[in-house]
Amino acid sequence: MNASRFLSVIAALVFLATASGIPKAAAAESGAASTCTAKNAALQSEVNKHGYRIQPGDSLQIYVRQDQSLQRDVLVLPDGTISLPLLGIVPVFDKTVQDVEVSICQNLQKRNLIEDPNVTVSVQKLGSNLFYVIGKVGHPGQFELIHNVDVIKALAMAGGLATFAKGGEIRILRRTADGTKEFKFDYGKFMDGHDPNANIMLQPGDTIIVP
């Protein structure tokens, strides 16, 4: 084999090796990105129904298997964010823990910090995520809004209506930026199958009054 033919063969081999490496790299990148969403997808339907939504004041535990500097407990600030090394400010307000896992995972990949992150987020302590039931119920007081809770579930958590409670005059008070909103709930009508829309989902800080 003469020198020119030898050089041509070498050049062809280099080209093939380089070309074959490109789709592999792209596939690896695509596969890494998919790990962020695949973990969340299997749970998404159930999460949308019952998943806890992170609130300011909550304490979260962040675990990234590949980087000990990211393994820590963090407090959700009043603006609904947390702060992490390497990533800075991460919005978490009203997201599920699975949403936050995906967000951290994708950010680590986008910044080329970790190729295939294994991220786990858990709620260690609830902050201001409470609602209140007062008046003629079995166990008035404050309760944690861990899952989606409507008025009927809240009354059950509070021990149900007490004797002589006026179930047709229940009120739900909610503080908003524009002042206090009031919702009315008629227990008897709802149990008879009427006015199902009155059984609203509660928000943190809501107060149910049972006269």
N, C-alpha and C. Protein backbone atom coordinates (compact mmCIF):
# COMPACT_ATOMS: atom_id res chain seq x y z
N MET A 1 0.87 -1.19 0.00
CA MET A 1 0.00 0.00 0.00
C MET A 1 0.90 1.23 0.00
N ASN A 2 0.66 2.16 -1.01
CA ASN A 2 1.49 3.35 -1.04
C ASN A 2 1.06 4.35 0.02
N ALA A 3 1.85 5.38 0.22
CA ALA A 3 1.62 6.33 1.31
C ALA A 3 0.30 7.08 1.16
N SER A 4 -0.03 7.49 -0.08
CA SER A 4 -1.26 8.27 -0.28
C SER A 4 -2.50 7.43 0.02
N ARG A 5 -2.45 6.12 -0.40
CA ARG A 5 -3.61 5.26 -0.12
C ARG A 5 -3.74 4.99 1.38
N PHE A 6 -2.57 4.83 2.05
CA PHE A 6 -2.58 4.60 3.50
C PHE A 6 -3.22 5.77 4.24
N LEU A 7 -2.84 6.99 3.84
CA LEU A 7 -3.40 8.19 4.47
C LEU A 7 -4.89 8.30 4.22
N SER A 8 -5.34 7.91 3.03
CA SER A 8 -6.77 7.96 2.72
C SER A 8 -7.56 7.01 3.60
N VAL A 9 -7.01 5.79 3.82
CA VAL A 9 -7.69 4.82 4.68
C VAL A 9 -7.78 5.34 6.11
N ILE A 10 -6.68 5.91 6.60
CA ILE A 10 -6.67 6.47 7.97
C ILE A 10 -7.71 7.57 8.11
N ALA A 11 -7.79 8.45 7.11
CA ALA A 11 -8.76 9.55 7.16
C ALA A 11 -10.19 9.03 7.18
N ALA A 12 -10.45 7.98 6.40
CA ALA A 12 -11.79 7.40 6.36
C ALA A 12 -12.16 6.79 7.69
N LEU A 13 -11.20 6.09 8.32
CA LEU A 13 -11.47 5.49 9.62
C LEU A 13 -11.75 6.54 10.68
N VAL A 14 -10.98 7.64 10.65
CA VAL A 14 -11.20 8.74 11.60
C VAL A 14 -12.57 9.34 11.42
N PHE A 15 -12.99 9.53 10.15
CA PHE A 15 -14.30 10.11 9.88
C PHE A 15 -15.42 9.22 10.40
N LEU A 16 -15.29 7.90 10.14
CA LEU A 16 -16.33 6.97 10.59
C LEU A 16 -16.42 6.93 12.10
N ALA A 17 -15.28 6.96 12.77
CA ALA A 17 -15.28 6.93 14.24
C ALA A 17 -15.92 8.18 14.80
N THR A 18 -15.58 9.32 14.17
CA THR A 18 -16.15 10.59 14.65
C THR A 18 -17.65 10.64 14.39
N ALA A 19 -18.07 10.23 13.19
CA ALA A 19 -19.49 10.27 12.84
C ALA A 19 -20.30 9.35 13.73
N SER A 20 -19.76 8.15 13.98
CA SER A 20 -20.51 7.21 14.82
C SER A 20 -20.61 7.69 16.24
N GLY A 21 -19.65 8.52 16.68
CA GLY A 21 -19.67 9.04 18.05
C GLY A 21 -20.71 10.10 18.26
N ILE A 22 -21.08 10.81 17.20
CA ILE A 22 -22.03 11.91 17.34
C ILE A 22 -23.41 11.42 17.75
N PRO A 23 -24.00 10.46 17.02
CA PRO A 23 -25.32 10.00 17.45
C PRO A 23 -25.28 9.35 18.82
N LYS A 24 -24.15 8.69 19.17
CA LYS A 24 -24.06 8.09 20.49
C LYS A 24 -24.13 9.14 21.56
N ALA A 25 -23.39 10.24 21.35
CA ALA A 25 -23.41 11.32 22.33
C ALA A 25 -24.79 11.92 22.45
N ALA A 26 -25.42 12.11 21.26
CA ALA A 26 -26.77 12.68 21.27
C ALA A 26 -27.73 11.75 21.97
N ALA A 27 -27.58 10.45 21.70
CA ALA A 27 -28.46 9.48 22.33
C ALA A 27 -28.25 9.46 23.82
N ALA A 28 -26.96 9.58 24.24
CA ALA A 28 -26.69 9.60 25.68
C ALA A 28 -27.32 10.80 26.32
N GLU A 29 -27.20 11.96 25.63
CA GLU A 29 -27.80 13.18 26.18
C GLU A 29 -29.31 13.04 26.27
N SER A 30 -29.93 12.47 25.19
CA SER A 30 -31.37 12.28 25.18
C SER A 30 -31.80 11.33 26.28
N GLY A 31 -31.01 10.24 26.44
CA GLY A 31 -31.34 9.27 27.47
C GLY A 31 -31.23 9.87 28.85
N ALA A 32 -30.21 10.72 29.07
CA ALA A 32 -30.04 11.35 30.38
C ALA A 32 -31.20 12.26 30.68
N ALA A 33 -31.65 13.01 29.65
CA ALA A 33 -32.76 13.92 29.87
C ALA A 33 -34.04 13.15 30.19
N SER A 34 -34.19 11.97 29.54
CA SER A 34 -35.41 11.21 29.75
C SER A 34 -35.52 10.69 31.17
N THR A 35 -34.36 10.46 31.84
CA THR A 35 -34.41 9.95 33.21
C THR A 35 -35.05 10.97 34.14
N CYS A 36 -34.96 12.24 33.79
CA CYS A 36 -35.57 13.27 34.63
C CYS A 36 -37.09 13.19 34.57
N THR A 37 -37.62 12.94 33.38
CA THR A 37 -39.06 12.96 33.23
C THR A 37 -39.70 11.60 33.47
N ALA A 38 -38.97 10.53 33.16
CA ALA A 38 -39.56 9.20 33.28
C ALA A 38 -39.94 8.89 34.72
N LYS A 39 -39.11 9.32 35.66
CA LYS A 39 -39.39 9.06 37.06
C LYS A 39 -40.68 9.73 37.49
N ASN A 40 -40.94 10.90 36.90
CA ASN A 40 -42.13 11.65 37.27
C ASN A 40 -43.37 11.15 36.54
N ALA A 41 -43.21 10.68 35.32
CA ALA A 41 -44.36 10.35 34.49
C ALA A 41 -45.21 9.24 35.09
N ALA A 42 -44.57 8.24 35.67
CA ALA A 42 -45.32 7.11 36.20
C ALA A 42 -46.22 7.50 37.35
N LEU A 43 -45.85 8.57 38.06
CA LEU A 43 -46.63 9.00 39.22
C LEU A 43 -47.54 10.18 38.93
N GLN A 44 -47.44 10.75 37.73
CA GLN A 44 -48.08 12.04 37.48
C GLN A 44 -49.59 12.02 37.68
N SER A 45 -50.25 10.96 37.21
CA SER A 45 -51.70 10.90 37.34
C SER A 45 -52.13 10.93 38.81
N GLU A 46 -51.46 10.12 39.63
CA GLU A 46 -51.82 10.06 41.04
C GLU A 46 -51.43 11.35 41.75
N VAL A 47 -50.28 11.92 41.36
CA VAL A 47 -49.82 13.16 41.98
C VAL A 47 -50.80 14.29 41.75
N ASN A 48 -51.34 14.36 40.52
CA ASN A 48 -52.29 15.42 40.21
C ASN A 48 -53.54 15.33 41.06
N LYS A 49 -53.88 14.11 41.50
CA LYS A 49 -55.08 13.93 42.30
C LYS A 49 -54.81 14.17 43.79
N HIS A 50 -53.68 13.65 44.27
CA HIS A 50 -53.47 13.64 45.71
C HIS A 50 -52.12 14.23 46.16
N GLY A 51 -51.29 14.65 45.21
CA GLY A 51 -49.94 15.06 45.57
C GLY A 51 -49.91 16.32 46.43
N TYR A 52 -49.02 16.30 47.41
CA TYR A 52 -48.83 17.46 48.27
C TYR A 52 -48.11 18.56 47.49
N ARG A 53 -48.55 19.78 47.66
CA ARG A 53 -47.94 20.92 46.99
C ARG A 53 -47.11 21.71 47.99
N ILE A 54 -45.85 21.95 47.65
CA ILE A 54 -44.91 22.59 48.56
C ILE A 54 -45.29 24.04 48.81
N GLN A 55 -45.17 24.46 50.08
CA GLN A 55 -45.55 25.80 50.51
C GLN A 55 -44.39 26.49 51.23
N PRO A 56 -44.38 27.83 51.28
CA PRO A 56 -43.37 28.54 52.07
C PRO A 56 -43.38 28.08 53.52
N GLY A 57 -42.19 27.95 54.11
CA GLY A 57 -42.08 27.50 55.49
C GLY A 57 -41.84 26.01 55.61
N ASP A 58 -42.07 25.25 54.52
CA ASP A 58 -41.80 23.81 54.55
C ASP A 58 -40.29 23.56 54.60
N SER A 59 -39.92 22.45 55.21
CA SER A 59 -38.52 22.02 55.23
C SER A 59 -38.38 20.82 54.30
N LEU A 60 -37.46 20.92 53.34
CA LEU A 60 -37.24 19.87 52.36
C LEU A 60 -35.88 19.23 52.56
N GLN A 61 -35.80 17.94 52.32
CA GLN A 61 -34.52 17.24 52.31
C GLN A 61 -34.17 16.93 50.86
N ILE A 62 -33.01 17.40 50.43
CA ILE A 62 -32.54 17.18 49.06
C ILE A 62 -31.42 16.16 49.09
N TYR A 63 -31.53 15.13 48.26
CA TYR A 63 -30.49 14.10 48.18
C TYR A 63 -30.11 13.89 46.72
N VAL A 64 -28.84 14.12 46.40
CA VAL A 64 -28.31 13.84 45.08
C VAL A 64 -27.18 12.84 45.27
N ARG A 65 -27.39 11.63 44.81
CA ARG A 65 -26.47 10.54 45.11
C ARG A 65 -25.05 10.83 44.66
N GLN A 66 -24.90 11.54 43.54
CA GLN A 66 -23.57 11.74 42.98
C GLN A 66 -22.81 12.93 43.57
N ASP A 67 -23.45 13.77 44.38
CA ASP A 67 -22.78 14.98 44.88
C ASP A 67 -23.21 15.26 46.32
N GLN A 68 -22.29 15.04 47.26
CA GLN A 68 -22.62 15.23 48.67
C GLN A 68 -22.90 16.69 49.02
N SER A 69 -22.38 17.63 48.24
CA SER A 69 -22.61 19.05 48.54
C SER A 69 -24.07 19.44 48.32
N LEU A 70 -24.82 18.62 47.58
CA LEU A 70 -26.22 18.90 47.33
C LEU A 70 -27.15 18.11 48.26
N GLN A 71 -26.58 17.39 49.19
CA GLN A 71 -27.37 16.62 50.13
C GLN A 71 -27.55 17.44 51.41
N ARG A 72 -28.72 18.02 51.56
CA ARG A 72 -28.94 18.94 52.67
C ARG A 72 -30.43 19.16 52.92
N ASP A 73 -30.72 19.73 54.09
CA ASP A 73 -32.08 20.18 54.41
C ASP A 73 -32.17 21.66 54.10
N VAL A 74 -33.24 22.06 53.43
CA VAL A 74 -33.41 23.46 53.05
C VAL A 74 -34.80 23.93 53.45
N LEU A 75 -34.91 25.21 53.75
CA LEU A 75 -36.19 25.82 54.11
C LEU A 75 -36.75 26.55 52.90
N VAL A 76 -38.03 26.33 52.63
CA VAL A 76 -38.70 27.06 51.54
C VAL A 76 -38.96 28.48 52.01
N LEU A 77 -38.37 29.44 51.33
CA LEU A 77 -38.46 30.85 51.73
C LEU A 77 -39.85 31.42 51.43
N PRO A 78 -40.17 32.59 52.02
CA PRO A 78 -41.49 33.19 51.79
C PRO A 78 -41.84 33.42 50.32
N ASP A 79 -40.80 33.59 49.47
CA ASP A 79 -41.07 33.79 48.04
C ASP A 79 -41.23 32.47 47.29
N GLY A 80 -41.21 31.33 48.03
CA GLY A 80 -41.45 30.04 47.40
C GLY A 80 -40.24 29.43 46.71
N THR A 81 -39.04 29.82 47.14
CA THR A 81 -37.82 29.30 46.52
C THR A 81 -36.92 28.63 47.56
N ILE A 82 -35.97 27.83 47.07
CA ILE A 82 -34.91 27.31 47.90
C ILE A 82 -33.58 27.67 47.24
N SER A 83 -32.50 27.58 48.00
CA SER A 83 -31.18 27.89 47.46
C SER A 83 -30.29 26.67 47.58
N LEU A 84 -29.65 26.29 46.47
CA LEU A 84 -28.78 25.12 46.45
C LEU A 84 -27.42 25.47 45.87
N PRO A 85 -26.35 24.87 46.39
CA PRO A 85 -25.03 25.07 45.79
C PRO A 85 -25.04 24.65 44.33
N LEU A 86 -24.27 25.34 43.50
CA LEU A 86 -24.14 25.06 42.07
C LEU A 86 -25.35 25.52 41.27
N LEU A 87 -26.56 25.39 41.84
CA LEU A 87 -27.77 25.72 41.09
C LEU A 87 -28.33 27.09 41.44
N GLY A 88 -28.02 27.60 42.63
CA GLY A 88 -28.56 28.90 43.05
C GLY A 88 -30.02 28.80 43.48
N ILE A 89 -30.84 29.75 43.03
CA ILE A 89 -32.24 29.83 43.43
C ILE A 89 -33.08 28.86 42.59
N VAL A 90 -33.88 28.04 43.29
CA VAL A 90 -34.74 27.06 42.61
C VAL A 90 -36.18 27.29 43.05
N PRO A 91 -37.09 27.67 42.15
CA PRO A 91 -38.51 27.85 42.51
C PRO A 91 -39.15 26.50 42.85
N VAL A 92 -39.88 26.44 43.97
CA VAL A 92 -40.53 25.19 44.37
C VAL A 92 -41.98 25.40 44.79
N PHE A 93 -42.45 26.64 44.87
CA PHE A 93 -43.79 26.91 45.38
C PHE A 93 -44.87 26.21 44.57
N ASP A 94 -45.78 25.53 45.27
CA ASP A 94 -46.95 24.86 44.69
C ASP A 94 -46.55 23.72 43.76
N LYS A 95 -45.32 23.22 43.87
CA LYS A 95 -44.89 22.07 43.09
C LYS A 95 -44.93 20.82 43.96
N THR A 96 -45.08 19.66 43.34
CA THR A 96 -44.96 18.40 44.07
C THR A 96 -43.48 18.08 44.24
N VAL A 97 -43.17 17.14 45.13
CA VAL A 97 -41.77 16.76 45.31
C VAL A 97 -41.22 16.15 44.02
N GLN A 98 -42.07 15.46 43.26
CA GLN A 98 -41.63 14.89 41.99
C GLN A 98 -41.27 16.00 40.99
N ASP A 99 -42.06 17.08 40.99
CA ASP A 99 -41.76 18.22 40.12
C ASP A 99 -40.38 18.80 40.44
N VAL A 100 -40.08 18.93 41.74
CA VAL A 100 -38.81 19.51 42.17
C VAL A 100 -37.66 18.57 41.82
N GLU A 101 -37.86 17.27 41.98
CA GLU A 101 -36.83 16.30 41.59
C GLU A 101 -36.48 16.46 40.11
N VAL A 102 -37.50 16.57 39.27
CA VAL A 102 -37.27 16.73 37.84
C VAL A 102 -36.55 18.05 37.54
N SER A 103 -36.95 19.13 38.21
CA SER A 103 -36.35 20.44 38.00
C SER A 103 -34.86 20.42 38.35
N ILE A 104 -34.52 19.86 39.51
CA ILE A 104 -33.12 19.80 39.93
C ILE A 104 -32.33 18.91 38.98
N CYS A 105 -32.90 17.77 38.62
CA CYS A 105 -32.24 16.84 37.70
C CYS A 105 -31.92 17.51 36.36
N GLN A 106 -32.91 18.19 35.79
CA GLN A 106 -32.71 18.83 34.48
C GLN A 106 -31.70 19.97 34.56
N ASN A 107 -31.73 20.74 35.65
CA ASN A 107 -30.77 21.83 35.80
C ASN A 107 -29.34 21.32 35.91
N LEU A 108 -29.15 20.22 36.63
CA LEU A 108 -27.81 19.63 36.75
C LEU A 108 -27.31 19.16 35.39
N GLN A 109 -28.20 18.62 34.58
CA GLN A 109 -27.81 18.15 33.26
C GLN A 109 -27.53 19.31 32.30
N LYS A 110 -28.39 20.33 32.34
CA LYS A 110 -28.21 21.46 31.43
C LYS A 110 -26.89 22.17 31.66
N ARG A 111 -26.45 22.19 32.93
CA ARG A 111 -25.19 22.85 33.26
C ARG A 111 -24.00 21.90 33.19
N ASN A 112 -24.25 20.68 32.71
CA ASN A 112 -23.20 19.68 32.57
C ASN A 112 -22.47 19.41 33.88
N LEU A 113 -23.22 19.43 34.97
CA LEU A 113 -22.63 19.19 36.29
C LEU A 113 -22.64 17.70 36.63
N ILE A 114 -23.75 17.03 36.31
CA ILE A 114 -23.86 15.59 36.54
C ILE A 114 -24.57 14.99 35.33
N GLU A 115 -24.00 13.96 34.76
CA GLU A 115 -24.54 13.40 33.51
C GLU A 115 -25.91 12.76 33.73
N ASP A 116 -26.05 11.93 34.75
CA ASP A 116 -27.30 11.22 34.98
C ASP A 116 -27.64 11.29 36.47
N PRO A 117 -28.18 12.44 36.93
CA PRO A 117 -28.39 12.64 38.37
C PRO A 117 -29.46 11.72 38.95
N ASN A 118 -29.22 11.28 40.15
CA ASN A 118 -30.23 10.52 40.91
C ASN A 118 -30.67 11.43 42.06
N VAL A 119 -31.85 12.05 41.90
CA VAL A 119 -32.32 13.09 42.82
C VAL A 119 -33.54 12.61 43.59
N THR A 120 -33.51 12.82 44.90
CA THR A 120 -34.66 12.52 45.75
C THR A 120 -34.98 13.73 46.61
N VAL A 121 -36.24 14.13 46.62
CA VAL A 121 -36.70 15.25 47.45
C VAL A 121 -37.82 14.75 48.36
N SER A 122 -37.74 15.10 49.63
CA SER A 122 -38.80 14.71 50.56
C SER A 122 -39.13 15.88 51.48
N VAL A 123 -40.39 15.95 51.90
CA VAL A 123 -40.83 16.99 52.83
C VAL A 123 -40.58 16.50 54.25
N GLN A 124 -39.73 17.21 54.98
CA GLN A 124 -39.38 16.82 56.34
C GLN A 124 -40.30 17.45 57.38
N LYS A 125 -40.74 18.66 57.09
CA LYS A 125 -41.57 19.38 58.07
C LYS A 125 -42.46 20.37 57.33
N LEU A 126 -43.72 20.39 57.71
CA LEU A 126 -44.66 21.33 57.10
C LEU A 126 -44.55 22.68 57.78
N GLY A 127 -44.69 23.72 56.99
CA GLY A 127 -44.62 25.07 57.54
C GLY A 127 -45.99 25.60 57.86
N SER A 128 -46.46 26.50 57.04
CA SER A 128 -47.73 27.17 57.30
C SER A 128 -48.90 26.49 56.59
N ASN A 129 -48.72 25.23 56.21
CA ASN A 129 -49.74 24.55 55.43
C ASN A 129 -50.81 23.97 56.35
N LEU A 130 -51.60 24.85 56.96
CA LEU A 130 -52.61 24.44 57.93
C LEU A 130 -53.97 25.00 57.55
N PHE A 131 -55.04 24.31 57.99
CA PHE A 131 -56.38 24.89 57.94
C PHE A 131 -57.01 24.70 59.30
N TYR A 132 -58.12 25.38 59.54
CA TYR A 132 -58.71 25.41 60.87
C TYR A 132 -60.21 25.09 60.79
N VAL A 133 -60.68 24.34 61.76
CA VAL A 133 -62.11 24.05 61.88
C VAL A 133 -62.53 24.45 63.30
N ILE A 134 -63.48 25.37 63.40
CA ILE A 134 -63.93 25.84 64.70
C ILE A 134 -65.46 25.73 64.79
N GLY A 135 -65.95 25.73 66.02
CA GLY A 135 -67.39 25.66 66.21
C GLY A 135 -67.83 24.28 66.66
N LYS A 136 -69.04 23.88 66.26
CA LYS A 136 -69.66 22.66 66.75
C LYS A 136 -69.27 21.44 65.92
N VAL A 137 -68.03 20.98 66.15
CA VAL A 137 -67.53 19.75 65.55
C VAL A 137 -66.93 18.90 66.67
N GLY A 138 -66.66 17.64 66.35
CA GLY A 138 -66.15 16.74 67.37
C GLY A 138 -64.81 17.16 67.94
N HIS A 139 -63.89 17.62 67.07
CA HIS A 139 -62.54 17.97 67.51
C HIS A 139 -62.08 19.24 66.80
N PRO A 140 -62.54 20.41 67.24
CA PRO A 140 -62.11 21.65 66.61
C PRO A 140 -60.61 21.87 66.80
N GLY A 141 -60.00 22.58 65.86
CA GLY A 141 -58.58 22.87 65.98
C GLY A 141 -57.94 23.10 64.63
N GLN A 142 -56.61 22.99 64.60
CA GLN A 142 -55.87 23.17 63.35
C GLN A 142 -55.43 21.81 62.81
N PHE A 143 -55.36 21.73 61.47
CA PHE A 143 -55.05 20.46 60.82
C PHE A 143 -54.09 20.72 59.66
N GLU A 144 -53.24 19.72 59.38
CA GLU A 144 -52.29 19.85 58.28
C GLU A 144 -52.97 19.52 56.95
N LEU A 145 -52.70 20.37 55.98
CA LEU A 145 -53.25 20.18 54.64
C LEU A 145 -52.26 19.35 53.82
N ILE A 146 -52.12 18.08 54.18
CA ILE A 146 -51.10 17.23 53.56
C ILE A 146 -51.50 16.86 52.14
N HIS A 147 -52.73 16.44 51.93
CA HIS A 147 -53.23 16.12 50.60
C HIS A 147 -54.37 17.07 50.26
N ASN A 148 -54.87 16.94 49.05
CA ASN A 148 -56.02 17.76 48.67
C ASN A 148 -57.18 17.45 49.59
N VAL A 149 -57.67 18.47 50.27
CA VAL A 149 -58.74 18.31 51.25
C VAL A 149 -59.90 19.23 50.89
N ASP A 150 -61.10 18.65 50.75
CA ASP A 150 -62.29 19.46 50.51
C ASP A 150 -63.02 19.66 51.84
N VAL A 151 -64.16 20.34 51.81
CA VAL A 151 -64.88 20.67 53.04
C VAL A 151 -65.34 19.42 53.77
N ILE A 152 -65.89 18.45 53.04
CA ILE A 152 -66.37 17.22 53.66
C ILE A 152 -65.24 16.46 54.36
N LYS A 153 -64.09 16.36 53.68
CA LYS A 153 -62.94 15.68 54.29
C LYS A 153 -62.47 16.42 55.54
N ALA A 154 -62.48 17.75 55.46
CA ALA A 154 -62.03 18.56 56.60
C ALA A 154 -62.95 18.35 57.80
N LEU A 155 -64.26 18.31 57.56
CA LEU A 155 -65.20 18.08 58.66
C LEU A 155 -65.00 16.69 59.26
N ALA A 156 -64.70 15.71 58.42
CA ALA A 156 -64.45 14.37 58.92
C ALA A 156 -63.19 14.34 59.78
N MET A 157 -62.15 15.07 59.34
CA MET A 157 -60.91 15.15 60.11
C MET A 157 -61.15 15.80 61.48
N ALA A 158 -62.13 16.69 61.53
CA ALA A 158 -62.45 17.38 62.77
C ALA A 158 -63.48 16.64 63.62
N GLY A 159 -63.78 15.39 63.27
CA GLY A 159 -64.68 14.59 64.08
C GLY A 159 -66.14 14.67 63.71
N GLY A 160 -66.44 15.34 62.59
CA GLY A 160 -67.83 15.44 62.15
C GLY A 160 -68.61 16.50 62.90
N LEU A 161 -69.84 16.73 62.47
CA LEU A 161 -70.69 17.73 63.10
C LEU A 161 -71.14 17.25 64.47
N ALA A 162 -71.12 18.18 65.42
CA ALA A 162 -71.58 17.87 66.77
C ALA A 162 -73.10 17.99 66.84
N THR A 163 -73.69 17.49 67.93
CA THR A 163 -75.13 17.62 68.15
C THR A 163 -75.52 19.09 68.17
N PHE A 164 -76.62 19.39 67.52
CA PHE A 164 -77.17 20.76 67.43
C PHE A 164 -76.35 21.69 66.52
N ALA A 165 -75.38 21.15 65.78
CA ALA A 165 -74.67 21.98 64.81
C ALA A 165 -75.60 22.38 63.68
N LYS A 166 -75.49 23.60 63.22
CA LYS A 166 -76.30 24.09 62.11
C LYS A 166 -75.58 23.81 60.79
N GLY A 167 -75.78 22.59 60.29
CA GLY A 167 -75.07 22.17 59.10
C GLY A 167 -75.39 22.97 57.85
N GLY A 168 -76.51 23.65 57.85
CA GLY A 168 -76.89 24.44 56.68
C GLY A 168 -76.28 25.82 56.67
N GLU A 169 -75.53 26.17 57.71
CA GLU A 169 -74.98 27.52 57.82
C GLU A 169 -73.46 27.51 57.97
N ILE A 170 -72.81 26.48 57.44
CA ILE A 170 -71.35 26.39 57.53
C ILE A 170 -70.72 27.43 56.60
N ARG A 171 -69.66 28.06 57.09
CA ARG A 171 -68.96 29.07 56.30
C ARG A 171 -67.46 28.72 56.22
N ILE A 172 -66.87 29.05 55.10
CA ILE A 172 -65.43 28.89 54.92
C ILE A 172 -64.85 30.26 54.64
N LEU A 173 -63.91 30.69 55.47
CA LEU A 173 -63.27 31.99 55.31
C LEU A 173 -61.88 31.81 54.73
N ARG A 174 -61.55 32.64 53.75
CA ARG A 174 -60.24 32.56 53.08
C ARG A 174 -59.65 33.96 52.91
N ARG A 175 -58.47 34.14 53.44
CA ARG A 175 -57.78 35.42 53.28
C ARG A 175 -57.11 35.49 51.93
N THR A 176 -57.32 36.61 51.23
CA THR A 176 -56.68 36.85 49.93
C THR A 176 -56.05 38.23 49.94
N ALA A 177 -55.35 38.53 48.86
CA ALA A 177 -54.73 39.85 48.75
C ALA A 177 -55.77 40.96 48.73
N ASP A 178 -56.99 40.64 48.33
CA ASP A 178 -58.06 41.63 48.25
C ASP A 178 -58.96 41.64 49.48
N GLY A 179 -58.60 40.87 50.51
CA GLY A 179 -59.43 40.80 51.71
C GLY A 179 -59.89 39.38 51.98
N THR A 180 -60.91 39.23 52.80
CA THR A 180 -61.40 37.91 53.17
C THR A 180 -62.59 37.51 52.31
N LYS A 181 -62.49 36.33 51.70
CA LYS A 181 -63.60 35.78 50.92
C LYS A 181 -64.36 34.79 51.77
N GLU A 182 -65.67 34.71 51.57
CA GLU A 182 -66.50 33.78 52.33
C GLU A 182 -67.24 32.85 51.38
N PHE A 183 -67.20 31.55 51.69
CA PHE A 183 -67.92 30.54 50.94
C PHE A 183 -68.94 29.88 51.88
N LYS A 184 -70.12 29.58 51.35
CA LYS A 184 -71.15 28.94 52.16
C LYS A 184 -71.27 27.47 51.80
N PHE A 185 -71.56 26.66 52.79
CA PHE A 185 -71.68 25.22 52.57
C PHE A 185 -72.85 24.69 53.37
N ASP A 186 -73.78 24.03 52.68
CA ASP A 186 -74.95 23.42 53.32
C ASP A 186 -74.72 21.91 53.36
N TYR A 187 -74.41 21.40 54.54
CA TYR A 187 -74.07 19.99 54.71
C TYR A 187 -75.22 19.08 54.26
N GLY A 188 -76.45 19.41 54.67
CA GLY A 188 -77.59 18.58 54.32
C GLY A 188 -77.83 18.51 52.84
N LYS A 189 -77.77 19.65 52.16
CA LYS A 189 -77.98 19.68 50.71
C LYS A 189 -76.91 18.86 49.99
N PHE A 190 -75.68 19.01 50.43
CA PHE A 190 -74.61 18.28 49.77
C PHE A 190 -74.79 16.77 49.93
N MET A 191 -75.12 16.33 51.12
CA MET A 191 -75.29 14.90 51.37
C MET A 191 -76.49 14.33 50.62
N ASP A 192 -77.44 15.20 50.27
CA ASP A 192 -78.60 14.77 49.48
C ASP A 192 -78.32 14.79 47.99
N GLY A 193 -77.09 15.17 47.62
CA GLY A 193 -76.71 15.18 46.22
C GLY A 193 -76.90 16.51 45.53
N HIS A 194 -77.20 17.56 46.28
CA HIS A 194 -77.40 18.88 45.70
C HIS A 194 -76.16 19.75 45.91
N ASP A 195 -75.95 20.70 45.02
CA ASP A 195 -74.90 21.70 45.12
C ASP A 195 -73.51 21.09 45.38
N PRO A 196 -73.06 20.16 44.52
CA PRO A 196 -71.74 19.53 44.74
C PRO A 196 -70.59 20.52 44.63
N ASN A 197 -70.78 21.61 43.90
CA ASN A 197 -69.72 22.59 43.72
C ASN A 197 -69.39 23.35 45.00
N ALA A 198 -70.28 23.25 45.99
CA ALA A 198 -70.02 23.93 47.25
C ALA A 198 -68.92 23.24 48.06
N ASN A 199 -68.64 21.99 47.71
CA ASN A 199 -67.60 21.23 48.43
C ASN A 199 -66.23 21.59 47.87
N ILE A 200 -65.78 22.80 48.16
CA ILE A 200 -64.56 23.35 47.55
C ILE A 200 -63.31 22.72 48.16
N MET A 201 -62.21 22.79 47.41
CA MET A 201 -60.91 22.37 47.92
C MET A 201 -60.37 23.47 48.82
N LEU A 202 -59.83 23.07 49.96
CA LEU A 202 -59.29 24.04 50.90
C LEU A 202 -57.89 24.49 50.49
N GLN A 203 -57.54 25.70 50.94
CA GLN A 203 -56.21 26.24 50.74
C GLN A 203 -55.59 26.53 52.10
N PRO A 204 -54.25 26.62 52.17
CA PRO A 204 -53.61 26.91 53.46
C PRO A 204 -54.18 28.17 54.08
N GLY A 205 -54.49 28.08 55.38
CA GLY A 205 -55.02 29.24 56.09
C GLY A 205 -56.52 29.33 56.13
N ASP A 206 -57.24 28.47 55.38
CA ASP A 206 -58.71 28.50 55.38
C ASP A 206 -59.24 28.16 56.77
N THR A 207 -60.37 28.78 57.10
CA THR A 207 -61.05 28.51 58.37
C THR A 207 -62.48 28.11 58.10
N ILE A 208 -62.87 26.93 58.61
CA ILE A 208 -64.25 26.46 58.49
C ILE A 208 -64.95 26.75 59.81
N ILE A 209 -66.09 27.43 59.71
CA ILE A 209 -66.87 27.79 60.91
C ILE A 209 -68.18 27.02 60.88
N VAL A 210 -68.41 26.23 61.93
CA VAL A 210 -69.65 25.45 62.05
C VAL A 210 -70.44 25.99 63.23
N PRO A 211 -71.51 26.76 63.00
CA PRO A 211 -72.27 27.35 64.11
C PRO A 211 -73.12 26.31 64.84
